[in-house]
Amino acid sequence: MTTEAEPVHLNLFVDAGRDTGAEELDRLTRQLLSEMQAIDVESVDLVGQVSTPAGAKVVDPVTLGALAIVVLPAVLPKLIEFLQALVIRKEDSVVKIKLQRGDRSIEIERPVKSMSRSELKSEVEMLTDLLLKKK
């Protein structure tokens, strides 16, 4: 049963460019994780985060730069505004978000440079509305 309060699951991918090493990408992702914890999201975690024994080194390059976010629909616009402000800092940024709610999912990837702030906001609102529609 789908309700307005059912959380939306997102995967957010950080791409800092080809010249960025794994350690720098991990640092940037963890910085973003820390900043997102200040937003009213239900949860935000590193994708593939697992408990490891003390002293063990685990680096999974497939999940480097990925965050799993759970947010209520009412908070989604606030999250998108946060992401817009973040990517505006770097003009050649690409926004890649995968939204999932129940068995419905939508994935978007857009270069920020090619879209105005209002175009990006309109597209996200349209996609959010599609996800929130009842079956």
Protein backbone atom coordinates (compact mmCIF):
# COMPACT_ATOMS: atom_id res chain seq x y z
CA MET A 1 0.00 0.00 0.00
CA THR A 2 1.47 3.36 -1.07
CA THR A 3 0.94 6.35 1.20
CA GLU A 4 2.16 9.94 1.16
CA ALA A 5 4.40 9.16 4.16
CA GLU A 6 6.15 6.21 2.49
CA PRO A 7 9.87 7.04 2.29
CA VAL A 8 11.71 7.59 -0.99
CA HIS A 9 15.03 5.74 -1.39
CA LEU A 10 17.76 7.53 -3.33
CA ASN A 11 21.24 6.62 -4.45
CA LEU A 12 23.47 9.63 -4.92
CA PHE A 13 26.76 9.29 -6.78
CA VAL A 14 29.65 11.69 -6.27
CA ASP A 15 31.83 12.22 -9.35
CA ALA A 16 34.74 14.53 -8.67
CA GLY A 17 36.32 14.09 -12.09
CA ARG A 18 38.75 11.72 -13.77
CA ASP A 19 41.80 13.11 -11.98
CA THR A 20 40.38 12.41 -8.52
CA GLY A 21 41.92 9.47 -6.68
CA ALA A 22 40.03 6.95 -4.55
CA GLU A 23 41.12 8.55 -1.26
CA GLU A 24 39.98 12.03 -2.35
CA LEU A 25 36.66 10.65 -3.64
CA ASP A 26 36.14 8.87 -0.32
CA ARG A 27 36.95 12.08 1.59
CA LEU A 28 34.52 14.13 -0.53
CA THR A 29 31.78 11.51 -0.13
CA ARG A 30 32.23 11.39 3.65
CA GLN A 31 32.16 15.21 3.77
CA LEU A 32 28.88 15.18 1.85
CA LEU A 33 27.55 12.47 4.18
CA SER A 34 28.37 14.68 7.16
CA GLU A 35 26.66 17.72 5.58
CA MET A 36 23.55 15.68 4.69
CA GLN A 37 23.14 14.47 8.26
CA ALA A 38 22.21 18.07 9.12
CA ILE A 39 19.22 17.86 6.76
CA ASP A 40 15.99 16.27 7.96
CA VAL A 41 16.52 12.98 6.07
CA GLU A 42 15.44 9.67 7.56
CA SER A 43 18.90 8.19 6.96
CA VAL A 44 22.04 8.62 4.88
CA ASP A 45 24.82 6.04 4.68
CA LEU A 46 27.72 5.05 2.51
CA VAL A 47 26.60 2.43 -0.02
CA GLY A 48 28.02 -0.97 0.87
CA GLN A 49 29.05 0.17 4.33
CA VAL A 50 29.77 -2.95 6.37
CA SER A 51 31.37 -3.69 9.70
CA THR A 52 34.95 -4.85 9.36
CA PRO A 53 37.31 -6.35 11.91
CA ALA A 54 39.69 -3.94 13.64
CA GLY A 55 42.76 -3.29 11.51
CA ALA A 56 41.20 -4.63 8.32
CA LYS A 57 41.30 -2.48 5.17
CA VAL A 58 38.29 -2.68 2.91
CA VAL A 59 37.92 -0.49 -0.16
CA ASP A 60 35.21 -1.45 -2.65
CA PRO A 61 35.78 0.74 -5.73
CA VAL A 62 32.26 -0.01 -6.97
CA THR A 63 30.71 1.79 -3.99
CA LEU A 64 33.24 4.61 -3.60
CA GLY A 65 31.41 7.90 -4.01
CA ALA A 66 27.92 6.47 -3.44
CA LEU A 67 25.44 7.43 -0.75
CA ALA A 68 22.14 5.71 0.09
CA ILE A 69 19.54 8.22 1.28
CA VAL A 70 16.06 7.64 2.69
CA VAL A 71 13.79 10.69 2.83
CA LEU A 72 10.10 11.36 3.33
CA PRO A 73 8.38 12.95 0.29
CA ALA A 74 7.78 16.20 2.18
CA VAL A 75 11.54 16.62 2.72
CA LEU A 76 12.52 15.81 -0.89
CA PRO A 77 12.34 19.46 -2.09
CA LYS A 78 14.67 20.52 0.76
CA LEU A 79 17.13 17.77 -0.23
CA ILE A 80 17.02 18.86 -3.89
CA GLU A 81 17.66 22.50 -2.89
CA PHE A 82 20.66 21.33 -0.85
CA LEU A 83 22.01 19.39 -3.84
CA GLN A 84 21.44 22.34 -6.19
CA ALA A 85 23.42 24.64 -3.92
CA LEU A 86 26.16 22.03 -3.70
CA VAL A 87 26.60 21.50 -7.44
CA ILE A 88 26.43 25.21 -8.25
CA ARG A 89 29.76 25.50 -6.43
CA LYS A 90 31.37 23.59 -9.29
CA GLU A 91 30.18 24.59 -12.75
CA ASP A 92 31.04 21.34 -14.55
CA SER A 93 29.14 19.18 -12.05
CA VAL A 94 26.84 16.38 -13.10
CA VAL A 95 23.82 15.46 -10.99
CA LYS A 96 23.02 11.75 -10.97
CA ILE A 97 20.17 10.64 -8.72
CA LYS A 98 18.21 7.42 -8.58
CA LEU A 99 14.85 7.76 -6.79
CA GLN A 100 12.96 4.70 -5.61
CA ARG A 101 9.61 4.45 -3.89
CA GLY A 102 8.12 1.02 -3.48
CA ASP A 103 8.54 -0.81 -6.79
CA ARG A 104 8.82 2.44 -8.80
CA SER A 105 12.15 4.01 -9.64
CA ILE A 106 13.44 6.89 -11.75
CA GLU A 107 17.05 7.73 -12.56
CA ILE A 108 18.23 11.12 -13.77
CA GLU A 109 21.64 12.32 -14.81
CA ARG A 110 22.10 15.88 -15.99
CA PRO A 111 25.05 18.22 -16.43
CA VAL A 112 24.33 21.23 -14.25
CA LYS A 113 26.01 23.59 -16.71
CA SER A 114 23.37 22.87 -19.38
CA MET A 115 20.38 23.59 -17.11
CA SER A 116 19.19 26.67 -15.34
CA ARG A 117 18.27 26.38 -11.68
CA SER A 118 14.55 26.69 -12.55
CA GLU A 119 14.83 23.97 -15.24
CA LEU A 120 16.49 21.59 -12.79
CA LYS A 121 13.89 22.37 -10.13
CA SER A 122 11.02 21.82 -12.60
CA GLU A 123 12.44 18.49 -13.74
CA VAL A 124 12.91 17.23 -10.19
CA GLU A 125 9.37 18.33 -9.25
CA MET A 126 7.95 16.49 -12.29
CA LEU A 127 9.87 13.31 -11.45
CA THR A 128 8.87 13.54 -7.78
CA ASP A 129 5.21 13.97 -8.76
CA LEU A 130 5.46 10.88 -10.97
CA LEU A 131 6.89 8.86 -8.09
CA LEU A 132 4.27 10.07 -5.65
CA LYS A 133 1.28 9.20 -7.85
CA LYS A 134 -0.72 6.27 -6.61
CA LYS A 135 -0.85 3.18 -8.77
